[in-house]
């Protein structure tokens, strides 16, 4: 049922032309994984490889994410992963706030269909779009934010770990917390 609802929403999203991002990309990268999951990962926007394949988090960053998930006993099949904006910004630039605001209703609908209990924000841009534009990385990375029955954890994007390996330790600590919360949720559901 949830999978079908998500597929219908994705079909609607394919028709979206509310911002200029659609003009410069190959296609929409709506999301991927298990829409029945209790964990949603949210990135900033598709990169070139994602745009080419239509699949979120592929390439080296996707491989890094897969390794981290495996290390904390999660898998891509157990999670749902998407981005704030569904179309690739030119040159892989950061989406503007206007672009994010235009695209956020799609993410909200994805959330409404899934009703995840854990949301992992994989970049400061996603944190600004979901939580607060004023938050700084040092204030929020590795911290749980509670919104009703949703627990939100901002952490580093896997691409940041590839560019700066010194961040891996902090990301590992974050993912251990995410795994612990996931196990508690599974035990209580």
N, C-alpha and C. Protein backbone atom coordinates (compact mmCIF):
# COMPACT_ATOMS: atom_id res chain seq x y z
N UNK A 1 0.82 -1.20 0.00
CA UNK A 1 0.00 0.00 0.00
C UNK A 1 0.86 1.27 0.00
N UNK A 2 1.83 1.32 0.95
CA UNK A 2 2.70 2.50 1.02
C UNK A 2 3.56 2.62 -0.24
N UNK A 3 4.04 1.49 -0.71
CA UNK A 3 4.87 1.50 -1.92
C UNK A 3 4.09 2.07 -3.10
N UNK A 4 2.83 1.67 -3.22
CA UNK A 4 2.00 2.16 -4.32
C UNK A 4 1.75 3.67 -4.19
N UNK A 5 1.49 4.15 -2.97
CA UNK A 5 1.29 5.58 -2.75
C UNK A 5 2.55 6.37 -3.11
N UNK A 6 3.72 5.81 -2.73
CA UNK A 6 4.97 6.50 -3.04
C UNK A 6 5.19 6.52 -4.55
N UNK A 7 4.87 5.43 -5.23
CA UNK A 7 5.01 5.39 -6.70
C UNK A 7 4.09 6.41 -7.36
N UNK A 8 2.88 6.57 -6.85
CA UNK A 8 1.95 7.56 -7.40
C UNK A 8 2.47 8.98 -7.18
N UNK A 9 3.01 9.23 -6.00
CA UNK A 9 3.58 10.55 -5.72
C UNK A 9 4.78 10.81 -6.64
N UNK A 10 5.60 9.81 -6.85
CA UNK A 10 6.75 9.96 -7.73
C UNK A 10 6.30 10.29 -9.16
N UNK A 11 5.26 9.63 -9.65
CA UNK A 11 4.74 9.94 -10.99
C UNK A 11 4.30 11.39 -11.08
N UNK A 12 3.66 11.88 -10.04
CA UNK A 12 3.26 13.29 -10.02
C UNK A 12 4.47 14.21 -10.04
N UNK A 13 5.51 13.82 -9.28
CA UNK A 13 6.72 14.63 -9.20
C UNK A 13 7.44 14.72 -10.55
N UNK A 14 7.32 13.70 -11.37
CA UNK A 14 7.96 13.71 -12.68
C UNK A 14 7.44 14.84 -13.56
N UNK A 15 6.23 15.31 -13.27
CA UNK A 15 5.62 16.38 -14.06
C UNK A 15 5.96 17.78 -13.53
N UNK A 16 6.61 17.84 -12.38
CA UNK A 16 6.87 19.13 -11.72
C UNK A 16 7.84 19.98 -12.53
N UNK A 17 7.46 21.25 -12.70
CA UNK A 17 8.33 22.24 -13.36
C UNK A 17 8.22 23.57 -12.63
N UNK A 18 8.10 23.51 -11.30
CA UNK A 18 7.88 24.72 -10.51
C UNK A 18 9.14 25.57 -10.34
N UNK A 19 10.32 24.97 -10.57
CA UNK A 19 11.54 25.76 -10.49
C UNK A 19 12.40 25.48 -11.71
N UNK A 20 13.49 26.21 -11.83
CA UNK A 20 14.34 26.08 -13.01
C UNK A 20 15.26 24.87 -12.98
N UNK A 21 15.32 24.13 -11.89
CA UNK A 21 16.22 22.98 -11.81
C UNK A 21 15.86 21.89 -12.82
N UNK A 22 14.56 21.74 -13.08
CA UNK A 22 14.11 20.67 -13.99
C UNK A 22 14.67 20.86 -15.40
N UNK A 23 14.88 22.10 -15.79
CA UNK A 23 15.37 22.39 -17.14
C UNK A 23 16.79 21.87 -17.37
N UNK A 24 17.62 21.85 -16.34
CA UNK A 24 19.02 21.52 -16.52
C UNK A 24 19.42 20.12 -16.10
N UNK A 25 18.46 19.27 -15.77
CA UNK A 25 18.82 17.93 -15.32
C UNK A 25 18.30 16.88 -16.29
N UNK A 26 18.82 15.66 -16.16
CA UNK A 26 18.36 14.55 -17.00
C UNK A 26 16.99 14.06 -16.58
N UNK A 27 16.75 14.07 -15.29
CA UNK A 27 15.48 13.57 -14.77
C UNK A 27 15.36 13.80 -13.29
N UNK A 28 14.25 13.40 -12.76
CA UNK A 28 13.97 13.53 -11.34
C UNK A 28 14.58 12.35 -10.58
N UNK A 29 15.20 12.64 -9.44
CA UNK A 29 15.68 11.59 -8.54
C UNK A 29 14.81 11.69 -7.30
N UNK A 30 13.71 10.94 -7.30
CA UNK A 30 12.69 11.11 -6.29
C UNK A 30 13.08 10.50 -4.94
N UNK A 31 13.57 9.31 -4.96
CA UNK A 31 13.94 8.61 -3.73
C UNK A 31 14.16 7.15 -4.04
N UNK A 32 14.59 6.41 -3.05
CA UNK A 32 14.82 5.00 -3.26
C UNK A 32 14.87 4.26 -1.95
N UNK A 33 14.67 2.97 -2.04
CA UNK A 33 14.70 2.14 -0.85
C UNK A 33 13.32 1.69 -0.46
N UNK A 34 13.15 1.48 0.82
CA UNK A 34 11.94 0.89 1.37
C UNK A 34 11.00 1.97 1.92
N UNK A 35 9.90 2.28 1.22
CA UNK A 35 8.98 3.31 1.72
C UNK A 35 8.19 2.86 2.95
N UNK A 36 8.34 1.60 3.33
CA UNK A 36 7.69 1.11 4.56
C UNK A 36 8.64 1.14 5.75
N UNK A 37 9.82 1.70 5.54
CA UNK A 37 10.83 1.78 6.58
C UNK A 37 10.45 2.82 7.63
N UNK A 38 11.04 2.70 8.79
CA UNK A 38 10.86 3.68 9.86
C UNK A 38 12.02 4.67 9.88
N UNK A 39 12.97 4.52 8.92
CA UNK A 39 14.11 5.42 8.84
C UNK A 39 14.15 6.07 7.47
N UNK A 40 14.20 7.41 7.47
CA UNK A 40 14.33 8.18 6.23
C UNK A 40 15.63 8.96 6.29
N UNK A 41 16.45 8.82 5.26
CA UNK A 41 17.67 9.59 5.12
C UNK A 41 17.39 10.69 4.10
N UNK A 42 17.84 11.92 4.40
CA UNK A 42 17.58 13.06 3.54
C UNK A 42 18.89 13.78 3.24
N UNK A 43 19.20 13.87 1.95
CA UNK A 43 20.37 14.62 1.50
C UNK A 43 19.94 15.96 0.94
N UNK A 44 20.86 16.59 0.27
CA UNK A 44 20.64 17.94 -0.26
C UNK A 44 19.97 17.91 -1.63
N UNK A 45 20.59 17.20 -2.55
CA UNK A 45 20.07 17.12 -3.92
C UNK A 45 20.90 16.13 -4.71
N UNK A 46 20.38 15.67 -5.83
CA UNK A 46 21.12 14.70 -6.63
C UNK A 46 22.37 15.30 -7.25
N UNK A 47 23.41 14.48 -7.33
CA UNK A 47 24.61 14.86 -8.05
C UNK A 47 24.54 14.32 -9.48
N UNK A 48 25.64 14.42 -10.17
CA UNK A 48 25.67 14.01 -11.57
C UNK A 48 25.33 12.53 -11.75
N UNK A 49 25.95 11.65 -10.96
CA UNK A 49 25.68 10.20 -11.09
C UNK A 49 24.23 9.88 -10.77
N UNK A 50 23.69 10.52 -9.74
CA UNK A 50 22.28 10.30 -9.38
C UNK A 50 21.37 10.77 -10.51
N UNK A 51 21.70 11.91 -11.08
CA UNK A 51 20.92 12.45 -12.18
C UNK A 51 20.93 11.50 -13.37
N UNK A 52 22.08 10.91 -13.64
CA UNK A 52 22.20 9.98 -14.77
C UNK A 52 21.44 8.68 -14.54
N UNK A 53 21.43 8.19 -13.30
CA UNK A 53 20.82 6.89 -13.00
C UNK A 53 19.40 6.97 -12.47
N UNK A 54 19.03 8.14 -11.91
CA UNK A 54 17.72 8.27 -11.28
C UNK A 54 17.66 7.65 -9.90
N UNK A 55 18.81 7.27 -9.35
CA UNK A 55 18.89 6.60 -8.04
C UNK A 55 19.67 7.49 -7.08
N UNK A 56 19.12 7.73 -5.87
CA UNK A 56 19.85 8.57 -4.92
C UNK A 56 21.06 7.86 -4.32
N UNK A 57 22.09 8.62 -4.06
CA UNK A 57 23.29 8.15 -3.37
C UNK A 57 23.92 6.95 -4.05
N UNK A 58 24.42 7.19 -5.26
CA UNK A 58 25.21 6.19 -5.97
C UNK A 58 26.63 6.73 -6.11
N UNK A 59 27.49 5.99 -6.70
CA UNK A 59 28.87 6.43 -6.84
C UNK A 59 29.62 6.25 -5.53
N UNK A 60 30.72 6.97 -5.39
CA UNK A 60 31.59 6.79 -4.22
C UNK A 60 30.89 7.16 -2.92
N UNK A 61 30.09 8.22 -2.93
CA UNK A 61 29.37 8.60 -1.71
C UNK A 61 28.36 7.53 -1.33
N UNK A 62 27.69 6.97 -2.32
CA UNK A 62 26.74 5.89 -2.06
C UNK A 62 27.42 4.65 -1.52
N UNK A 63 28.59 4.32 -2.07
CA UNK A 63 29.36 3.18 -1.56
C UNK A 63 29.77 3.41 -0.12
N UNK A 64 30.19 4.65 0.19
CA UNK A 64 30.57 4.98 1.56
C UNK A 64 29.36 4.82 2.49
N UNK A 65 28.20 5.32 2.07
CA UNK A 65 27.00 5.19 2.88
C UNK A 65 26.67 3.71 3.10
N UNK A 66 26.77 2.90 2.06
CA UNK A 66 26.49 1.47 2.20
C UNK A 66 27.41 0.82 3.23
N UNK A 67 28.69 1.17 3.21
CA UNK A 67 29.65 0.61 4.17
C UNK A 67 29.30 1.02 5.60
N UNK A 68 28.94 2.28 5.77
CA UNK A 68 28.59 2.77 7.11
C UNK A 68 27.33 2.05 7.61
N UNK A 69 26.33 1.94 6.74
CA UNK A 69 25.10 1.26 7.13
C UNK A 69 25.38 -0.19 7.52
N UNK A 70 26.18 -0.87 6.72
CA UNK A 70 26.52 -2.27 7.01
C UNK A 70 27.23 -2.38 8.36
N UNK A 71 28.12 -1.44 8.64
CA UNK A 71 28.87 -1.47 9.89
C UNK A 71 27.97 -1.31 11.11
N UNK A 72 26.84 -0.61 10.95
CA UNK A 72 25.91 -0.43 12.08
C UNK A 72 24.69 -1.36 11.95
N UNK A 73 24.85 -2.37 11.11
CA UNK A 73 23.84 -3.42 10.96
C UNK A 73 22.53 -2.91 10.37
N UNK A 74 22.65 -2.01 9.41
CA UNK A 74 21.50 -1.56 8.61
C UNK A 74 21.87 -1.78 7.14
N UNK A 75 20.89 -1.69 6.28
CA UNK A 75 21.17 -1.84 4.85
C UNK A 75 20.31 -0.87 4.06
N UNK A 76 20.69 -0.66 2.81
CA UNK A 76 19.90 0.21 1.94
C UNK A 76 18.48 -0.33 1.77
N UNK A 77 18.30 -1.62 1.84
CA UNK A 77 16.97 -2.23 1.70
C UNK A 77 16.08 -1.93 2.90
N UNK A 78 16.69 -1.58 4.03
CA UNK A 78 15.93 -1.30 5.25
C UNK A 78 15.54 0.17 5.40
N UNK A 79 16.13 1.04 4.59
CA UNK A 79 15.90 2.47 4.76
C UNK A 79 15.25 3.06 3.51
N UNK A 80 14.79 4.28 3.64
CA UNK A 80 14.35 5.05 2.49
C UNK A 80 15.24 6.27 2.42
N UNK A 81 15.69 6.62 1.21
CA UNK A 81 16.61 7.73 1.07
C UNK A 81 16.13 8.67 -0.04
N UNK A 82 16.20 9.96 0.25
CA UNK A 82 15.73 10.96 -0.70
C UNK A 82 16.56 12.24 -0.50
N UNK A 83 16.17 13.29 -1.16
CA UNK A 83 16.86 14.58 -1.06
C UNK A 83 15.84 15.70 -0.88
N UNK A 84 16.32 16.84 -0.44
CA UNK A 84 15.47 18.02 -0.33
C UNK A 84 14.96 18.41 -1.71
N UNK A 85 15.87 18.60 -2.68
CA UNK A 85 15.45 18.88 -4.05
C UNK A 85 15.59 17.61 -4.87
N UNK A 86 14.69 17.42 -5.79
CA UNK A 86 14.63 16.17 -6.55
C UNK A 86 15.34 16.26 -7.90
N UNK A 87 15.76 17.45 -8.29
CA UNK A 87 16.47 17.65 -9.56
C UNK A 87 17.86 18.20 -9.27
N UNK A 88 18.81 17.80 -10.09
CA UNK A 88 20.21 18.19 -9.88
C UNK A 88 20.43 19.67 -10.12
N UNK A 89 20.97 20.38 -9.11
CA UNK A 89 21.37 21.76 -9.35
C UNK A 89 22.57 21.80 -10.30
N UNK A 90 22.64 22.80 -11.16
CA UNK A 90 23.74 22.89 -12.13
C UNK A 90 25.10 22.85 -11.44
N UNK A 91 26.00 22.04 -11.99
CA UNK A 91 27.35 21.97 -11.44
C UNK A 91 27.41 21.39 -10.04
N UNK A 92 26.37 20.70 -9.62
CA UNK A 92 26.28 20.13 -8.26
C UNK A 92 26.35 21.20 -7.17
N UNK A 93 25.93 22.41 -7.50
CA UNK A 93 25.96 23.48 -6.50
C UNK A 93 24.91 23.20 -5.42
N UNK A 94 25.02 23.88 -4.31
CA UNK A 94 24.03 23.80 -3.25
C UNK A 94 22.73 24.42 -3.73
N UNK A 95 21.59 23.76 -3.50
CA UNK A 95 20.32 24.38 -3.90
C UNK A 95 20.08 25.67 -3.13
N UNK A 96 19.43 26.61 -3.77
CA UNK A 96 19.08 27.86 -3.10
C UNK A 96 17.92 27.60 -2.14
N UNK A 97 17.71 28.52 -1.20
CA UNK A 97 16.58 28.37 -0.29
C UNK A 97 15.26 28.41 -1.05
N UNK A 98 15.20 29.23 -2.09
CA UNK A 98 13.98 29.29 -2.90
C UNK A 98 13.71 27.93 -3.57
N UNK A 99 14.74 27.31 -4.11
CA UNK A 99 14.57 25.99 -4.74
C UNK A 99 14.13 24.96 -3.72
N UNK A 100 14.74 25.02 -2.52
CA UNK A 100 14.36 24.07 -1.48
C UNK A 100 12.91 24.29 -1.05
N UNK A 101 12.52 25.52 -0.87
CA UNK A 101 11.14 25.82 -0.47
C UNK A 101 10.13 25.31 -1.49
N UNK A 102 10.49 25.44 -2.77
CA UNK A 102 9.59 24.97 -3.83
C UNK A 102 9.47 23.45 -3.79
N UNK A 103 10.57 22.77 -3.47
CA UNK A 103 10.58 21.30 -3.51
C UNK A 103 10.17 20.64 -2.19
N UNK A 104 10.22 21.37 -1.09
CA UNK A 104 9.89 20.77 0.22
C UNK A 104 8.51 20.11 0.29
N UNK A 105 7.48 20.61 -0.39
CA UNK A 105 6.19 19.90 -0.32
C UNK A 105 6.28 18.45 -0.79
N UNK A 106 7.17 18.14 -1.72
CA UNK A 106 7.34 16.75 -2.15
C UNK A 106 7.90 15.91 -1.02
N UNK A 107 8.90 16.45 -0.32
CA UNK A 107 9.47 15.73 0.83
C UNK A 107 8.43 15.57 1.93
N UNK A 108 7.63 16.60 2.16
CA UNK A 108 6.58 16.49 3.18
C UNK A 108 5.59 15.38 2.84
N UNK A 109 5.25 15.26 1.56
CA UNK A 109 4.34 14.19 1.14
C UNK A 109 4.99 12.82 1.30
N UNK A 110 6.28 12.73 0.99
CA UNK A 110 6.98 11.47 1.22
C UNK A 110 6.93 11.11 2.70
N UNK A 111 7.15 12.10 3.54
CA UNK A 111 7.09 11.88 4.98
C UNK A 111 5.70 11.42 5.41
N UNK A 112 4.67 12.06 4.90
CA UNK A 112 3.29 11.70 5.27
C UNK A 112 2.97 10.26 4.89
N UNK A 113 3.47 9.82 3.76
CA UNK A 113 3.23 8.44 3.33
C UNK A 113 3.96 7.48 4.26
N UNK A 114 5.21 7.75 4.54
CA UNK A 114 6.04 6.83 5.33
C UNK A 114 5.77 6.88 6.83
N UNK A 115 5.65 8.08 7.35
CA UNK A 115 5.60 8.30 8.79
C UNK A 115 6.79 7.65 9.50
N UNK A 116 8.02 8.00 9.07
CA UNK A 116 9.19 7.40 9.72
C UNK A 116 9.31 7.86 11.16
N UNK A 117 10.03 7.12 11.95
CA UNK A 117 10.28 7.48 13.34
C UNK A 117 11.66 8.11 13.51
N UNK A 118 12.54 7.85 12.51
CA UNK A 118 13.90 8.40 12.54
C UNK A 118 14.17 9.06 11.19
N UNK A 119 14.69 10.29 11.24
CA UNK A 119 15.10 10.97 10.02
C UNK A 119 16.56 11.39 10.20
N UNK A 120 17.39 11.00 9.25
CA UNK A 120 18.81 11.33 9.29
C UNK A 120 19.07 12.37 8.19
N UNK A 121 19.58 13.52 8.60
CA UNK A 121 19.86 14.61 7.67
C UNK A 121 21.34 14.56 7.31
N UNK A 122 21.62 14.29 6.03
CA UNK A 122 22.99 14.04 5.60
C UNK A 122 23.71 15.25 5.04
N UNK A 123 23.41 16.39 5.55
CA UNK A 123 24.15 17.59 5.13
C UNK A 123 23.56 18.78 5.87
N UNK A 124 24.34 19.80 6.06
CA UNK A 124 23.86 20.98 6.76
C UNK A 124 22.71 21.64 6.01
N UNK A 125 22.72 21.59 4.69
CA UNK A 125 21.65 22.18 3.89
C UNK A 125 20.31 21.53 4.24
N UNK A 126 20.28 20.22 4.36
CA UNK A 126 19.05 19.52 4.74
C UNK A 126 18.63 19.91 6.15
N UNK A 127 19.61 20.08 7.02
CA UNK A 127 19.32 20.50 8.40
C UNK A 127 18.66 21.87 8.41
N UNK A 128 19.19 22.78 7.60
CA UNK A 128 18.60 24.12 7.52
C UNK A 128 17.18 24.06 6.96
N UNK A 129 16.95 23.22 5.97
CA UNK A 129 15.62 23.12 5.37
C UNK A 129 14.60 22.47 6.31
N UNK A 130 15.02 21.49 7.08
CA UNK A 130 14.09 20.73 7.93
C UNK A 130 13.98 21.31 9.34
N UNK A 131 15.09 21.72 9.92
CA UNK A 131 15.07 22.14 11.33
C UNK A 131 15.08 23.66 11.49
N UNK A 132 16.19 24.28 11.11
CA UNK A 132 16.34 25.72 11.36
C UNK A 132 17.49 26.26 10.52
N UNK A 133 17.24 27.32 9.79
CA UNK A 133 18.27 27.94 8.93
C UNK A 133 19.45 28.48 9.73
N UNK A 134 19.24 28.75 11.00
CA UNK A 134 20.27 29.39 11.81
C UNK A 134 21.22 28.40 12.49
N UNK A 135 20.89 27.11 12.46
CA UNK A 135 21.74 26.13 13.13
C UNK A 135 23.11 26.05 12.46
N UNK A 136 24.12 25.90 13.28
CA UNK A 136 25.47 25.69 12.79
C UNK A 136 25.82 24.21 13.02
N UNK A 137 26.69 23.70 12.18
CA UNK A 137 27.04 22.28 12.25
C UNK A 137 27.44 21.86 13.67
N UNK A 138 28.24 22.69 14.34
CA UNK A 138 28.70 22.32 15.69
C UNK A 138 27.55 22.25 16.69
N UNK A 139 26.45 22.96 16.42
CA UNK A 139 25.30 22.94 17.32
C UNK A 139 24.42 21.72 17.12
N UNK A 140 24.48 21.12 15.94
CA UNK A 140 23.46 20.12 15.65
C UNK A 140 23.99 18.74 15.27
N UNK A 141 25.18 18.64 14.70
CA UNK A 141 25.67 17.35 14.26
C UNK A 141 25.79 16.40 15.45
N UNK A 142 25.23 15.22 15.29
CA UNK A 142 25.30 14.23 16.36
C UNK A 142 24.30 14.43 17.48
N UNK A 143 23.39 15.38 17.32
CA UNK A 143 22.38 15.66 18.34
C UNK A 143 21.02 15.18 17.86
N UNK A 144 20.22 14.66 18.75
CA UNK A 144 18.85 14.30 18.41
C UNK A 144 17.94 15.51 18.59
N UNK A 145 17.08 15.71 17.64
CA UNK A 145 16.03 16.73 17.70
C UNK A 145 14.72 15.98 17.63
N UNK A 146 13.84 16.25 18.57
CA UNK A 146 12.56 15.55 18.62
C UNK A 146 11.46 16.47 18.12
N UNK A 147 10.69 15.96 17.17
CA UNK A 147 9.51 16.67 16.64
C UNK A 147 8.35 15.70 16.70
N UNK A 148 7.55 15.80 17.75
CA UNK A 148 6.47 14.83 17.92
C UNK A 148 7.07 13.45 18.12
N UNK A 149 6.65 12.49 17.29
CA UNK A 149 7.18 11.13 17.40
C UNK A 149 8.32 10.88 16.42
N UNK A 150 8.91 11.94 15.89
CA UNK A 150 10.02 11.83 14.95
C UNK A 150 11.31 12.28 15.62
N UNK A 151 12.33 11.43 15.55
CA UNK A 151 13.67 11.76 16.04
C UNK A 151 14.54 12.10 14.83
N UNK A 152 15.18 13.27 14.87
CA UNK A 152 15.96 13.75 13.73
C UNK A 152 17.42 13.89 14.15
N UNK A 153 18.32 13.32 13.34
CA UNK A 153 19.76 13.40 13.61
C UNK A 153 20.49 13.98 12.40
N UNK A 154 21.06 15.17 12.51
CA UNK A 154 21.94 15.69 11.46
C UNK A 154 23.33 15.06 11.58
N UNK A 155 23.91 14.70 10.46
CA UNK A 155 25.28 14.18 10.43
C UNK A 155 25.93 14.57 9.11
N UNK A 156 27.13 14.10 8.92
CA UNK A 156 27.87 14.44 7.71
C UNK A 156 27.37 13.65 6.50
N UNK A 157 27.44 14.26 5.35
CA UNK A 157 27.17 13.59 4.08
C UNK A 157 28.36 12.67 3.79
N UNK A 158 28.10 11.48 3.24
CA UNK A 158 29.23 10.59 2.91
C UNK A 158 30.28 11.24 2.01
N UNK A 159 29.88 12.13 1.12
CA UNK A 159 30.85 12.81 0.26
C UNK A 159 31.82 13.67 1.08
N UNK A 160 31.34 14.24 2.17
CA UNK A 160 32.20 15.03 3.05
C UNK A 160 33.26 14.14 3.69
N UNK A 161 32.89 12.91 4.01
CA UNK A 161 33.84 11.98 4.62
C UNK A 161 34.92 11.57 3.62
N UNK A 162 34.55 11.50 2.35
CA UNK A 162 35.53 11.18 1.31
C UNK A 162 36.50 12.34 1.10
N UNK A 163 35.98 13.56 1.17
CA UNK A 163 36.83 14.74 1.00
C UNK A 163 37.71 15.01 2.22
N UNK A 164 37.17 14.70 3.39
CA UNK A 164 37.87 15.01 4.64
C UNK A 164 37.78 13.80 5.58
N UNK A 165 38.67 12.83 5.45
CA UNK A 165 38.62 11.62 6.27
C UNK A 165 38.64 11.86 7.78
N UNK A 166 39.11 13.02 8.21
CA UNK A 166 39.14 13.30 9.66
C UNK A 166 37.73 13.40 10.24
N UNK A 167 36.70 13.54 9.39
CA UNK A 167 35.31 13.61 9.86
C UNK A 167 34.70 12.23 10.11
N UNK A 168 35.37 11.19 9.66
CA UNK A 168 34.80 9.84 9.75
C UNK A 168 34.50 9.42 11.19
N UNK A 169 35.37 9.78 12.12
CA UNK A 169 35.18 9.38 13.52
C UNK A 169 33.88 9.95 14.07
N UNK A 170 33.63 11.23 13.82
CA UNK A 170 32.41 11.87 14.30
C UNK A 170 31.18 11.25 13.63
N UNK A 171 31.27 10.99 12.33
CA UNK A 171 30.14 10.37 11.62
C UNK A 171 29.89 8.96 12.18
N UNK A 172 30.95 8.23 12.47
CA UNK A 172 30.80 6.89 13.04
C UNK A 172 30.05 6.96 14.37
N UNK A 173 30.38 7.92 15.20
CA UNK A 173 29.69 8.09 16.49
C UNK A 173 28.20 8.39 16.24
N UNK A 174 27.91 9.24 15.26
CA UNK A 174 26.52 9.56 14.92
C UNK A 174 25.77 8.31 14.49
N UNK A 175 26.38 7.53 13.61
CA UNK A 175 25.70 6.35 13.09
C UNK A 175 25.52 5.27 14.15
N UNK A 176 26.40 5.23 15.13
CA UNK A 176 26.17 4.30 16.25
C UNK A 176 24.93 4.72 17.02
N UNK A 177 24.75 6.03 17.23
CA UNK A 177 23.55 6.53 17.91
C UNK A 177 22.29 6.23 17.09
N UNK A 178 22.39 6.39 15.79
CA UNK A 178 21.26 6.09 14.90
C UNK A 178 20.90 4.62 14.99
N UNK A 179 21.91 3.76 14.97
CA UNK A 179 21.68 2.32 15.07
C UNK A 179 21.04 1.95 16.41
N UNK A 180 21.53 2.55 17.49
CA UNK A 180 20.95 2.28 18.82
C UNK A 180 19.47 2.66 18.86
N UNK A 181 19.15 3.85 18.33
CA UNK A 181 17.75 4.29 18.32
C UNK A 181 16.92 3.37 17.45
N UNK A 182 17.46 2.91 16.32
CA UNK A 182 16.74 2.00 15.44
C UNK A 182 16.44 0.68 16.16
N UNK A 183 17.42 0.17 16.88
CA UNK A 183 17.22 -1.10 17.61
C UNK A 183 16.17 -0.94 18.71
N UNK A 184 16.19 0.17 19.40
CA UNK A 184 15.17 0.42 20.43
C UNK A 184 13.79 0.50 19.79
N UNK A 185 13.70 1.20 18.67
CA UNK A 185 12.41 1.28 17.99
C UNK A 185 11.91 -0.10 17.58
N UNK A 186 12.78 -0.90 17.00
CA UNK A 186 12.39 -2.25 16.56
C UNK A 186 11.98 -3.14 17.73
N UNK A 187 12.66 -3.00 18.86
CA UNK A 187 12.31 -3.79 20.05
C UNK A 187 10.94 -3.41 20.59
N UNK A 188 10.57 -2.15 20.45
CA UNK A 188 9.32 -1.66 21.03
C UNK A 188 8.14 -1.67 20.06
N UNK A 189 8.38 -2.07 18.80
CA UNK A 189 7.27 -2.04 17.85
C UNK A 189 6.72 -3.43 17.57
